Amino acid sequence: MLVFAVPVMAQQAEEEMLSGRELLTSCEEGAAPGQPNQYCMRYVFGLVQTIDMLQEAEPGQKLFCINPNIISLQEVTMKITAWLKDKSSRLNEDAYVLVSEALNTSYPCKRRGI
């Protein structure tokens, strides 16, 4: 019985994924110029932390590079929100996919020796 439960759970999780449109709508609620809302910052922070943890396990496979001593969470969140607005035709895609791509585009890792 457990064998059948896993695909059903995976399907339910997929159906409940946050879309880019839902994330952008949530990010715009109560936000002011230079001050993203807390929900949006928490989402971005959680995704950045999760991906960063995974990057530590595979150092040669970095998706993005953000120095938290130089770049604030507010700045990252505002950049992600602007990126989502610019990609309005893709907002039906999963939010985590779009935000991951935005992080990769906005904060690429510099190659050594270049």
Protein backbone atom coordinates (compact mmCIF):
# COMPACT_ATOMS: atom_id res chain seq x y z
CA MET A 1 0.00 0.00 0.00
CA LEU A 2 2.88 2.39 0.72
CA VAL A 3 4.16 1.95 -2.84
CA PHE A 4 0.96 3.51 -4.17
CA ALA A 5 0.94 6.33 -1.61
CA VAL A 6 4.22 7.89 -2.80
CA PRO A 7 3.05 8.72 -6.36
CA VAL A 8 -0.21 10.11 -5.02
CA MET A 9 1.63 12.31 -2.51
CA ALA A 10 4.02 13.52 -5.23
CA GLN A 11 1.10 14.37 -7.49
CA GLN A 12 -0.65 16.29 -4.69
CA ALA A 13 2.54 18.23 -3.94
CA GLU A 14 2.92 19.10 -7.61
CA GLU A 15 -0.66 20.36 -7.80
CA GLU A 16 -0.06 22.59 -4.77
CA MET A 17 3.14 24.23 -6.05
CA LEU A 18 3.22 27.98 -5.86
CA SER A 19 3.18 29.57 -9.31
CA GLY A 20 5.25 32.55 -10.31
CA ARG A 21 2.04 34.56 -10.65
CA GLU A 22 0.96 33.67 -7.10
CA LEU A 23 4.39 34.55 -5.74
CA LEU A 24 4.52 37.87 -7.59
CA THR A 25 1.01 38.78 -6.40
CA SER A 26 2.02 37.98 -2.82
CA CYS A 27 5.28 39.92 -3.20
CA GLU A 28 3.47 43.03 -4.41
CA GLU A 29 0.98 43.12 -1.51
CA GLY A 30 2.04 45.84 0.92
CA ALA A 31 5.45 46.30 -0.70
CA ALA A 32 6.89 49.80 -1.05
CA PRO A 33 9.83 51.02 -3.16
CA GLY A 34 12.96 49.70 -1.48
CA GLN A 35 10.91 47.72 1.05
CA PRO A 36 9.70 44.31 -0.10
CA ASN A 37 7.11 42.61 2.08
CA GLN A 38 8.03 40.01 4.69
CA TYR A 39 6.32 37.09 2.94
CA CYS A 40 8.35 37.63 -0.20
CA MET A 41 11.62 38.07 1.69
CA ARG A 42 10.97 34.86 3.65
CA TYR A 43 10.25 32.91 0.45
CA VAL A 44 13.42 34.20 -1.23
CA PHE A 45 15.49 33.65 1.92
CA GLY A 46 14.24 30.08 2.30
CA LEU A 47 14.97 29.22 -1.31
CA VAL A 48 18.40 30.87 -1.22
CA GLN A 49 19.28 29.01 2.00
CA THR A 50 18.10 25.67 0.59
CA ILE A 51 19.95 26.03 -2.70
CA ASP A 52 23.05 27.34 -0.92
CA MET A 53 23.05 24.28 1.35
CA LEU A 54 22.83 22.02 -1.70
CA GLN A 55 25.62 23.99 -3.39
CA GLU A 56 27.88 23.32 -0.42
CA ALA A 57 27.50 19.60 -1.13
CA GLU A 58 28.42 20.13 -4.82
CA PRO A 59 30.80 23.14 -4.83
CA GLY A 60 31.53 22.87 -8.55
CA GLN A 61 27.83 23.16 -9.40
CA LYS A 62 26.98 26.62 -8.05
CA LEU A 63 23.73 28.05 -9.39
CA PHE A 64 24.38 31.55 -8.02
CA CYS A 65 26.78 33.42 -5.77
CA ILE A 66 25.54 35.99 -3.26
CA ASN A 67 27.78 37.51 -0.59
CA PRO A 68 25.39 38.38 2.28
CA ASN A 69 27.98 40.85 3.62
CA ILE A 70 27.61 42.92 0.44
CA ILE A 71 24.11 42.20 -0.87
CA SER A 72 21.09 42.47 1.41
CA LEU A 73 18.06 40.21 1.42
CA GLN A 74 15.94 43.24 0.56
CA GLU A 75 18.05 43.90 -2.56
CA VAL A 76 17.86 40.26 -3.64
CA THR A 77 14.09 40.19 -3.09
CA MET A 78 13.54 43.39 -5.07
CA LYS A 79 15.67 42.06 -7.93
CA ILE A 80 13.73 38.78 -7.97
CA THR A 81 10.41 40.65 -7.96
CA ALA A 82 11.54 42.85 -10.87
CA TRP A 83 12.75 39.76 -12.75
CA LEU A 84 9.36 38.09 -12.29
CA LYS A 85 7.57 41.19 -13.57
CA ASP A 86 9.81 41.17 -16.62
CA LYS A 87 8.95 37.51 -17.32
CA SER A 88 5.17 37.92 -17.18
CA SER A 89 4.64 35.36 -19.96
CA ARG A 90 6.20 32.66 -17.76
CA LEU A 91 4.34 33.31 -14.50
CA ASN A 92 2.34 30.09 -14.76
CA GLU A 93 5.56 28.13 -14.15
CA ASP A 94 6.53 27.01 -10.64
CA ALA A 95 7.80 29.88 -8.53
CA TYR A 96 10.86 27.98 -7.30
CA VAL A 97 11.97 27.34 -10.90
CA LEU A 98 11.57 31.00 -11.84
CA VAL A 99 13.28 32.30 -8.71
CA SER A 100 16.16 29.85 -9.18
CA GLU A 101 16.61 31.10 -12.75
CA ALA A 102 16.39 34.71 -11.58
CA LEU A 103 19.10 34.06 -8.97
CA ASN A 104 21.30 32.42 -11.61
CA THR A 105 20.81 35.30 -14.03
CA SER A 106 21.12 38.07 -11.45
CA TYR A 107 23.95 36.67 -9.34
CA PRO A 108 26.19 34.53 -11.52
CA CYS A 109 29.36 33.08 -10.04
CA LYS A 110 32.57 34.50 -11.43
CA ARG A 111 34.99 31.99 -12.80
CA ARG A 112 38.46 32.01 -11.33
CA GLY A 113 41.19 33.27 -13.60
CA ILE A 114 38.84 35.25 -15.84
